[in-house]
Amino acid sequence: MKKRILKIALYVFGIIILGVSSLLAYVKIALPDVGKPLDLKVEASPERIMRGEYLAQQRDGLHAMPFTARLDRVWRSG
């Protein structure tokens, strides 16, 4: 009985190790290396601020639908 439990435990441990190593290999090989983010500075001009306000108002219109109203509550609370 002990041998059977030990055998099952080793199989489970092996599957966990295989899963973790597969996940790490996927992250290392399949996902692209994007490098470091650019350090961008955006100048705040009145035109850009007005454009941002316009875009924010357009987003508000999208969340006026009943099935997306709960998204609006989450967005505004954060």
Protein backbone atom coordinates (compact mmCIF):
# COMPACT_ATOMS: atom_id res chain seq x y z
CA MET A 1 0.00 0.00 0.00
CA LYS A 2 2.84 2.41 0.82
CA LYS A 3 4.51 1.68 -2.52
CA ARG A 4 1.31 2.50 -4.35
CA ILE A 5 0.86 5.83 -2.49
CA LEU A 6 4.51 6.71 -3.11
CA LYS A 7 4.15 5.85 -6.80
CA ILE A 8 1.05 8.05 -7.13
CA ALA A 9 2.76 10.90 -5.27
CA LEU A 10 5.78 10.66 -7.59
CA TYR A 11 3.51 10.75 -10.66
CA VAL A 12 1.69 13.83 -9.35
CA PHE A 13 4.99 15.52 -8.51
CA GLY A 14 6.31 14.68 -11.98
CA ILE A 15 3.23 16.12 -13.65
CA ILE A 16 3.54 19.33 -11.61
CA ILE A 17 7.24 19.66 -12.52
CA LEU A 18 6.43 19.00 -16.19
CA GLY A 19 3.65 21.63 -16.12
CA VAL A 20 5.81 24.30 -14.50
CA SER A 21 8.73 23.64 -16.84
CA SER A 22 6.39 23.75 -19.86
CA LEU A 23 4.98 27.07 -18.70
CA LEU A 24 8.46 28.52 -18.22
CA ALA A 25 9.55 27.25 -21.65
CA TYR A 26 6.46 28.84 -23.23
CA VAL A 27 7.19 32.19 -21.60
CA LYS A 28 10.84 32.09 -22.64
CA ILE A 29 10.42 30.78 -26.21
CA ALA A 30 6.95 31.67 -27.50
CA LEU A 31 6.35 35.13 -26.06
CA PRO A 32 8.14 38.01 -27.79
CA ASP A 33 10.96 39.92 -26.11
CA VAL A 34 9.64 43.47 -26.15
CA GLY A 35 12.56 45.09 -24.38
CA LYS A 36 12.41 48.02 -22.04
CA PRO A 37 9.60 50.58 -22.39
CA LEU A 38 10.36 53.90 -24.01
CA ASP A 39 10.60 56.96 -21.79
CA LEU A 40 8.04 59.19 -23.49
CA LYS A 41 7.21 62.70 -22.38
CA VAL A 42 4.03 64.21 -23.77
CA GLU A 43 3.59 67.95 -23.79
CA ALA A 44 0.27 69.03 -22.29
CA SER A 45 -1.12 71.55 -24.74
CA PRO A 46 -4.70 72.90 -24.67
CA GLU A 47 -5.45 71.04 -27.91
CA ARG A 48 -4.32 67.71 -26.47
CA ILE A 49 -6.30 68.28 -23.28
CA MET A 50 -9.44 69.03 -25.30
CA ARG A 51 -8.81 65.89 -27.39
CA GLY A 52 -8.52 63.84 -24.17
CA GLU A 53 -11.77 65.27 -22.87
CA TYR A 54 -13.46 64.39 -26.17
CA LEU A 55 -12.18 60.81 -26.02
CA ALA A 56 -13.29 60.46 -22.39
CA GLN A 57 -16.80 61.62 -23.32
CA GLN A 58 -16.91 59.08 -26.15
CA ARG A 59 -15.98 56.33 -23.69
CA ASP A 60 -18.80 57.43 -21.40
CA GLY A 61 -21.26 56.93 -24.24
CA LEU A 62 -20.16 53.34 -24.69
CA HIS A 63 -20.89 52.46 -21.10
CA ALA A 64 -24.40 53.85 -21.21
CA MET A 65 -25.63 50.47 -22.50
CA PRO A 66 -27.29 48.29 -19.83
CA PHE A 67 -24.95 45.31 -20.23
CA THR A 68 -21.82 47.47 -19.86
CA ALA A 69 -23.08 49.72 -17.07
CA ARG A 70 -21.35 47.62 -14.43
CA LEU A 71 -18.04 48.19 -16.22
CA ASP A 72 -18.59 51.90 -15.84
CA ARG A 73 -18.96 51.55 -12.07
CA VAL A 74 -15.71 49.59 -11.86
CA TRP A 75 -13.90 52.14 -14.06
CA ARG A 76 -15.01 55.12 -12.02
CA SER A 77 -14.31 53.54 -8.63
CA GLY A 78 -10.63 52.80 -9.48
